């Protein structure tokens, strides 16, 4: 059992071999552990509990003042950005109107007409190609414009849920980490998990 006391922060941690670092949380008549040995959560779920002192009066006033200054700056930047975006929107609308007036529609299957050289034209037809695309890894060949492959791996994924409770002069923060295997198209870095030792992904 290890107790860490840092200014404005108190953490109580229990560490056991081959077990995620779990937290004790105050309970009626003692402490109840969230984890496999406590019987409250499954082996793929655990909860961390931390306590943080609430900000004092002057700290809240200072934070409010800084927030007000920041808010004024954000409003000013938003007005400038809105003016810039509206100007670009008007310019884009004018360009589209000009293009519609100059555009000529060409019928389906029409031959190339030299009269349309250097002009803006519109054509609607089916897209065809004689090229055969091949995926050598899975030995797949198809006559198409584009061939894409989607690969997924069944791997560990971490989900977290945080709750905060007001306990007078301190705030209790409970973060529950839950692990499960899911299909993902990208590699999930298990090294960033709160409990990576029991939920390791390849690579």
C-alpha atoms as a PDB file:
ATOM      1  CA  UNK A   1       0.000   0.000   0.000  1.00  0.00           C
ATOM      2  CA  UNK A   2       1.421   3.359  -1.010  1.00  0.00           C
ATOM      3  CA  UNK A   3       0.052   6.801  -0.125  1.00  0.00           C
ATOM      4  CA  UNK A   4       1.176   9.813  -2.166  1.00  0.00           C
ATOM      5  CA  UNK A   5       0.498  13.325  -0.849  1.00  0.00           C
ATOM      6  CA  UNK A   6       1.113  16.200  -3.264  1.00  0.00           C
ATOM      7  CA  UNK A   7      -0.036  19.818  -2.711  1.00  0.00           C
ATOM      8  CA  UNK A   8      -3.764  20.031  -3.480  1.00  0.00           C
ATOM      9  CA  UNK A   9      -3.800  16.335  -4.399  1.00  0.00           C
ATOM     10  CA  UNK A  10      -3.997  13.072  -2.460  1.00  0.00           C
ATOM     11  CA  UNK A  11      -3.801   9.630  -4.072  1.00  0.00           C
ATOM     12  CA  UNK A  12      -4.035   6.219  -2.425  1.00  0.00           C
ATOM     13  CA  UNK A  13      -2.767   3.298  -4.486  1.00  0.00           C
ATOM     14  CA  UNK A  14      -2.456  -0.427  -3.962  1.00  0.00           C
ATOM     15  CA  UNK A  15      -0.063  -2.425  -6.152  1.00  0.00           C
ATOM     16  CA  UNK A  16      -0.108  -6.230  -6.459  1.00  0.00           C
ATOM     17  CA  UNK A  17       1.899  -8.499  -8.755  1.00  0.00           C
ATOM     18  CA  UNK A  18       0.337  -9.140 -12.169  1.00  0.00           C
ATOM     19  CA  UNK A  19      -2.556  -6.845 -11.334  1.00  0.00           C
ATOM     20  CA  UNK A  20      -3.465  -3.439 -12.627  1.00  0.00           C
ATOM     21  CA  UNK A  21      -2.773  -0.566 -10.239  1.00  0.00           C
ATOM     22  CA  UNK A  22      -6.084  -0.217  -8.483  1.00  0.00           C
ATOM     23  CA  UNK A  23      -7.452   2.452  -6.225  1.00  0.00           C
ATOM     24  CA  UNK A  24      -9.129   2.328  -2.808  1.00  0.00           C
ATOM     25  CA  UNK A  25     -12.251   4.368  -2.421  1.00  0.00           C
ATOM     26  CA  UNK A  26     -13.859   5.284   0.922  1.00  0.00           C
ATOM     27  CA  UNK A  27     -16.784   3.089   1.882  1.00  0.00           C
ATOM     28  CA  UNK A  28     -19.030   2.549   4.833  1.00  0.00           C
ATOM     29  CA  UNK A  29     -16.969   1.287   7.735  1.00  0.00           C
ATOM     30  CA  UNK A  30     -13.704   1.195   5.765  1.00  0.00           C
ATOM     31  CA  UNK A  31     -12.416   1.060   2.217  1.00  0.00           C
ATOM     32  CA  UNK A  32     -13.715  -0.977  -0.692  1.00  0.00           C
ATOM     33  CA  UNK A  33     -11.397  -1.942  -3.523  1.00  0.00           C
ATOM     34  CA  UNK A  34     -12.553  -1.733  -7.104  1.00  0.00           C
ATOM     35  CA  UNK A  35     -11.040  -4.622  -9.005  1.00  0.00           C
ATOM     36  CA  UNK A  36     -10.840  -8.388  -9.413  1.00  0.00           C
ATOM     37  CA  UNK A  37     -10.183  -9.090  -5.745  1.00  0.00           C
ATOM     38  CA  UNK A  38     -12.893  -6.742  -4.544  1.00  0.00           C
ATOM     39  CA  UNK A  39     -15.588  -8.416  -6.609  1.00  0.00           C
ATOM     40  CA  UNK A  40     -17.086  -5.082  -7.627  1.00  0.00           C
ATOM     41  CA  UNK A  41     -15.753  -4.957 -11.194  1.00  0.00           C
ATOM     42  CA  UNK A  42     -14.672  -7.531 -13.762  1.00  0.00           C
ATOM     43  CA  UNK A  43     -10.972  -8.329 -14.366  1.00  0.00           C
ATOM     44  CA  UNK A  44     -11.120  -6.106 -17.461  1.00  0.00           C
ATOM     45  CA  UNK A  45     -12.361  -3.089 -15.536  1.00  0.00           C
ATOM     46  CA  UNK A  46     -10.991  -1.021 -12.677  1.00  0.00           C
ATOM     47  CA  UNK A  47     -11.528   2.393 -11.135  1.00  0.00           C
ATOM     48  CA  UNK A  48      -9.102   5.088 -10.052  1.00  0.00           C
ATOM     49  CA  UNK A  49     -10.140   7.537  -7.366  1.00  0.00           C
ATOM     50  CA  UNK A  50      -8.432  10.866  -6.735  1.00  0.00           C
ATOM     51  CA  UNK A  51      -9.179  13.849  -4.521  1.00  0.00           C
ATOM     52  CA  UNK A  52      -8.493  17.470  -5.398  1.00  0.00           C
ATOM     53  CA  UNK A  53      -8.874  20.519  -3.200  1.00  0.00           C
ATOM     54  CA  UNK A  54     -11.336  23.133  -4.402  1.00  0.00           C
ATOM     55  CA  UNK A  55      -9.999  26.512  -5.455  1.00  0.00           C
ATOM     56  CA  UNK A  56     -10.182  29.307  -2.882  1.00  0.00           C
ATOM     57  CA  UNK A  57     -11.976  32.626  -3.267  1.00  0.00           C
ATOM     58  CA  UNK A  58      -9.046  34.560  -4.705  1.00  0.00           C
ATOM     59  CA  UNK A  59      -8.176  31.684  -6.999  1.00  0.00           C
ATOM     60  CA  UNK A  60     -11.723  31.682  -8.379  1.00  0.00           C
ATOM     61  CA  UNK A  61     -11.663  35.467  -8.841  1.00  0.00           C
ATOM     62  CA  UNK A  62      -8.338  35.255 -10.652  1.00  0.00           C
ATOM     63  CA  UNK A  63      -9.613  32.454 -12.848  1.00  0.00           C
ATOM     64  CA  UNK A  64     -12.767  34.410 -13.684  1.00  0.00           C
ATOM     65  CA  UNK A  65     -10.721  37.494 -14.599  1.00  0.00           C
ATOM     66  CA  UNK A  66      -8.427  35.496 -16.884  1.00  0.00           C
ATOM     67  CA  UNK A  67     -11.439  33.784 -18.416  1.00  0.00           C
ATOM     68  CA  UNK A  68     -13.078  37.162 -19.117  1.00  0.00           C
ATOM     69  CA  UNK A  69      -9.955  38.484 -20.856  1.00  0.00           C
ATOM     70  CA  UNK A  70      -9.716  35.298 -22.897  1.00  0.00           C
ATOM     71  CA  UNK A  71     -13.418  35.488 -23.795  1.00  0.00           C
ATOM     72  CA  UNK A  72     -13.058  39.069 -25.075  1.00  0.00           C
ATOM     73  CA  UNK A  73     -10.149  37.974 -27.259  1.00  0.00           C
ATOM     74  CA  UNK A  74     -12.154  35.041 -28.616  1.00  0.00           C
ATOM     75  CA  UNK A  75     -15.101  37.319 -29.479  1.00  0.00           C
ATOM     76  CA  UNK A  76     -12.816  39.745 -31.316  1.00  0.00           C
ATOM     77  CA  UNK A  77     -11.151  36.907 -33.257  1.00  0.00           C
ATOM     78  CA  UNK A  78     -14.574  35.417 -34.082  1.00  0.00           C
ATOM     79  CA  UNK A  79     -15.794  38.738 -35.552  1.00  0.00           C
ATOM     80  CA  UNK A  80     -12.698  39.033 -37.746  1.00  0.00           C
ATOM     81  CA  UNK A  81     -12.982  35.407 -38.878  1.00  0.00           C
ATOM     82  CA  UNK A  82     -16.714  35.787 -39.610  1.00  0.00           C
ATOM     83  CA  UNK A  83     -16.065  38.876 -41.749  1.00  0.00           C
ATOM     84  CA  UNK A  84     -13.342  37.022 -43.657  1.00  0.00           C
ATOM     85  CA  UNK A  85     -15.509  33.921 -44.236  1.00  0.00           C
ATOM     86  CA  UNK A  86     -18.498  35.984 -45.397  1.00  0.00           C
ATOM     87  CA  UNK A  87     -16.280  37.758 -47.925  1.00  0.00           C
ATOM     88  CA  UNK A  88     -15.026  34.447 -49.288  1.00  0.00           C
ATOM     89  CA  UNK A  89     -18.580  33.062 -49.440  1.00  0.00           C
ATOM     90  CA  UNK A  90     -19.721  36.027 -51.536  1.00  0.00           C
ATOM     91  CA  UNK A  91     -16.737  35.634 -53.850  1.00  0.00           C
ATOM     92  CA  UNK A  92     -17.423  31.894 -54.260  1.00  0.00           C
ATOM     93  CA  UNK A  93     -21.105  32.513 -55.048  1.00  0.00           C
ATOM     94  CA  UNK A  94     -20.200  35.076 -57.693  1.00  0.00           C
ATOM     95  CA  UNK A  95     -17.695  32.685 -59.278  1.00  0.00           C
ATOM     96  CA  UNK A  96     -20.284  29.884 -59.420  1.00  0.00           C
ATOM     97  CA  UNK A  97     -22.866  32.175 -61.015  1.00  0.00           C
ATOM     98  CA  UNK A  98     -20.338  33.232 -63.614  1.00  0.00           C
ATOM     99  CA  UNK A  99     -19.428  29.625 -64.348  1.00  0.00           C
ATOM    100  CA  UNK A 100     -23.085  28.617 -64.782  1.00  0.00           C
ATOM    101  CA  UNK A 101     -23.611  31.403 -67.297  1.00  0.00           C
ATOM    102  CA  UNK A 102     -20.556  30.375 -69.327  1.00  0.00           C
ATOM    103  CA  UNK A 103     -21.024  26.585 -69.086  1.00  0.00           C
ATOM    104  CA  UNK A 104     -22.298  24.594 -72.075  1.00  0.00           C
ATOM    105  CA  UNK A 105     -23.933  21.170 -71.700  1.00  0.00           C
ATOM    106  CA  UNK A 106     -22.680  18.389 -73.965  1.00  0.00           C
ATOM    107  CA  UNK A 107     -24.995  15.479 -74.737  1.00  0.00           C
ATOM    108  CA  UNK A 108     -24.212  11.885 -73.730  1.00  0.00           C
ATOM    109  CA  UNK A 109     -21.957  10.118 -76.207  1.00  0.00           C
ATOM    110  CA  UNK A 110     -21.162  13.311 -78.109  1.00  0.00           C
ATOM    111  CA  UNK A 111     -18.015  13.462 -80.187  1.00  0.00           C
ATOM    112  CA  UNK A 112     -15.287  15.979 -79.493  1.00  0.00           C
ATOM    113  CA  UNK A 113     -16.261  19.327 -80.947  1.00  0.00           C
ATOM    114  CA  UNK A 114     -13.531  21.799 -81.732  1.00  0.00           C
ATOM    115  CA  UNK A 115     -16.014  24.610 -81.076  1.00  0.00           C
ATOM    116  CA  UNK A 116     -15.837  23.779 -77.359  1.00  0.00           C
ATOM    117  CA  UNK A 117     -12.059  24.204 -77.198  1.00  0.00           C
ATOM    118  CA  UNK A 118     -10.997  26.259 -74.117  1.00  0.00           C
ATOM    119  CA  UNK A 119     -14.618  26.472 -72.943  1.00  0.00           C
ATOM    120  CA  UNK A 120     -16.278  25.339 -69.732  1.00  0.00           C
ATOM    121  CA  UNK A 121     -18.491  22.340 -70.522  1.00  0.00           C
ATOM    122  CA  UNK A 122     -20.724  19.952 -68.592  1.00  0.00           C
ATOM    123  CA  UNK A 123     -21.080  16.280 -69.492  1.00  0.00           C
ATOM    124  CA  UNK A 124     -22.945  13.395 -67.866  1.00  0.00           C
ATOM    125  CA  UNK A 125     -21.983   9.828 -68.770  1.00  0.00           C
ATOM    126  CA  UNK A 126     -20.982   6.461 -67.299  1.00  0.00           C
ATOM    127  CA  UNK A 127     -17.338   6.118 -66.237  1.00  0.00           C
ATOM    128  CA  UNK A 128     -15.573   3.228 -67.970  1.00  0.00           C
ATOM    129  CA  UNK A 129     -12.024   1.903 -68.093  1.00  0.00           C
ATOM    130  CA  UNK A 130     -10.194  -0.998 -69.735  1.00  0.00           C
ATOM    131  CA  UNK A 131      -7.549  -1.150 -67.008  1.00  0.00           C
ATOM    132  CA  UNK A 132      -7.513  -4.181 -64.687  1.00  0.00           C
ATOM    133  CA  UNK A 133      -6.546  -3.476 -61.083  1.00  0.00           C
ATOM    134  CA  UNK A 134      -4.925  -6.257 -59.021  1.00  0.00           C
ATOM    135  CA  UNK A 135      -4.356  -6.866 -55.319  1.00  0.00           C
ATOM    136  CA  UNK A 136      -1.416  -9.265 -55.325  1.00  0.00           C
ATOM    137  CA  UNK A 137      -1.707 -10.000 -51.589  1.00  0.00           C
ATOM    138  CA  UNK A 138      -5.156 -11.582 -51.889  1.00  0.00           C
ATOM    139  CA  UNK A 139      -4.908 -12.422 -55.608  1.00  0.00           C
ATOM    140  CA  UNK A 140      -7.898 -10.282 -56.560  1.00  0.00           C
ATOM    141  CA  UNK A 141      -8.237  -8.702 -60.010  1.00  0.00           C
ATOM    142  CA  UNK A 142     -11.081  -6.511 -61.179  1.00  0.00           C
ATOM    143  CA  UNK A 143     -11.720  -4.141 -64.051  1.00  0.00           C
ATOM    144  CA  UNK A 144     -12.438  -0.915 -62.253  1.00  0.00           C
ATOM    145  CA  UNK A 145     -11.363   2.679 -61.815  1.00  0.00           C
ATOM    146  CA  UNK A 146     -10.347   2.180 -58.192  1.00  0.00           C
ATOM    147  CA  UNK A 147      -9.585  -0.819 -55.971  1.00  0.00           C
ATOM    148  CA  UNK A 148      -9.247  -0.333 -52.232  1.00  0.00           C
ATOM    149  CA  UNK A 149      -8.561  -2.799 -49.432  1.00  0.00           C
ATOM    150  CA  UNK A 150      -9.804  -2.411 -45.848  1.00  0.00           C
ATOM    151  CA  UNK A 151      -7.977  -4.473 -43.210  1.00  0.00           C
ATOM    152  CA  UNK A 152      -9.133  -4.728 -39.586  1.00  0.00           C
ATOM    153  CA  UNK A 153      -7.520  -6.339 -36.551  1.00  0.00           C
ATOM    154  CA  UNK A 154      -9.232  -7.763 -33.472  1.00  0.00           C
ATOM    155  CA  UNK A 155      -7.457  -5.966 -30.620  1.00  0.00           C
ATOM    156  CA  UNK A 156      -7.798  -4.517 -27.145  1.00  0.00           C
ATOM    157  CA  UNK A 157      -9.574  -1.157 -26.812  1.00  0.00           C
ATOM    158  CA  UNK A 158      -9.801   0.983 -23.678  1.00  0.00           C
ATOM    159  CA  UNK A 159     -12.897   2.950 -22.715  1.00  0.00           C
ATOM    160  CA  UNK A 160     -13.004   5.372 -19.805  1.00  0.00           C
ATOM    161  CA  UNK A 161     -15.817   7.022 -17.887  1.00  0.00           C
ATOM    162  CA  UNK A 162     -15.231   9.812 -15.369  1.00  0.00           C
ATOM    163  CA  UNK A 163     -17.518  10.988 -12.609  1.00  0.00           C
ATOM    164  CA  UNK A 164     -16.967  13.800 -10.131  1.00  0.00           C
ATOM    165  CA  UNK A 165     -18.541  14.127  -6.682  1.00  0.00           C
ATOM    166  CA  UNK A 166     -18.624  17.186  -4.446  1.00  0.00           C
ATOM    167  CA  UNK A 167     -17.496  16.303  -0.929  1.00  0.00           C
ATOM    168  CA  UNK A 168     -17.371  19.628   0.845  1.00  0.00           C
ATOM    169  CA  UNK A 169     -13.930  21.134   0.484  1.00  0.00           C
ATOM    170  CA  UNK A 170     -12.660  18.516  -1.957  1.00  0.00           C
ATOM    171  CA  UNK A 171     -13.784  16.994  -5.248  1.00  0.00           C
ATOM    172  CA  UNK A 172     -13.684  13.227  -5.645  1.00  0.00           C
ATOM    173  CA  UNK A 173     -12.970  12.068  -9.173  1.00  0.00           C
ATOM    174  CA  UNK A 174     -13.665   8.466 -10.166  1.00  0.00           C
ATOM    175  CA  UNK A 175     -12.381   7.207 -13.517  1.00  0.00           C
ATOM    176  CA  UNK A 176     -13.473   3.729 -14.593  1.00  0.00           C
ATOM    177  CA  UNK A 177     -11.377   1.990 -17.251  1.00  0.00           C
ATOM    178  CA  UNK A 178     -13.008  -0.845 -19.187  1.00  0.00           C
ATOM    179  CA  UNK A 179     -11.237  -3.102 -21.679  1.00  0.00           C
ATOM    180  CA  UNK A 180     -12.650  -5.211 -24.473  1.00  0.00           C
ATOM    181  CA  UNK A 181     -11.623  -6.550 -27.860  1.00  0.00           C
ATOM    182  CA  UNK A 182     -13.001  -4.869 -30.961  1.00  0.00           C
ATOM    183  CA  UNK A 183     -12.358  -4.819 -34.693  1.00  0.00           C
ATOM    184  CA  UNK A 184     -10.401  -1.706 -35.645  1.00  0.00           C
ATOM    185  CA  UNK A 185      -8.964  -0.651 -38.996  1.00  0.00           C
ATOM    186  CA  UNK A 186      -5.984   1.047 -37.323  1.00  0.00           C
ATOM    187  CA  UNK A 187      -3.488  -0.165 -34.745  1.00  0.00           C
ATOM    188  CA  UNK A 188      -4.423   0.752 -31.163  1.00  0.00           C
ATOM    189  CA  UNK A 189      -1.422   1.640 -29.000  1.00  0.00           C
ATOM    190  CA  UNK A 190      -1.878  -0.430 -25.854  1.00  0.00           C
ATOM    191  CA  UNK A 191       1.130   1.289 -24.272  1.00  0.00           C
ATOM    192  CA  UNK A 192      -1.080   4.302 -23.529  1.00  0.00           C
ATOM    193  CA  UNK A 193      -3.605   2.181 -21.595  1.00  0.00           C
ATOM    194  CA  UNK A 194      -3.982   2.673 -17.878  1.00  0.00           C
ATOM    195  CA  UNK A 195      -3.391  -1.068 -17.503  1.00  0.00           C
ATOM    196  CA  UNK A 196      -1.228  -2.130 -20.480  1.00  0.00           C
ATOM    197  CA  UNK A 197       0.301  -5.240 -18.891  1.00  0.00           C
ATOM    198  CA  UNK A 198      -2.870  -7.333 -19.156  1.00  0.00           C
ATOM    199  CA  UNK A 199      -4.092  -5.860 -22.465  1.00  0.00           C
ATOM    200  CA  UNK A 200      -1.234  -5.854 -24.942  1.00  0.00           C
ATOM    201  CA  UNK A 201      -1.757  -5.401 -28.661  1.00  0.00           C
ATOM    202  CA  UNK A 202       0.778  -6.530 -31.307  1.00  0.00           C
ATOM    203  CA  UNK A 203       3.335  -3.941 -32.302  1.00  0.00           C
END
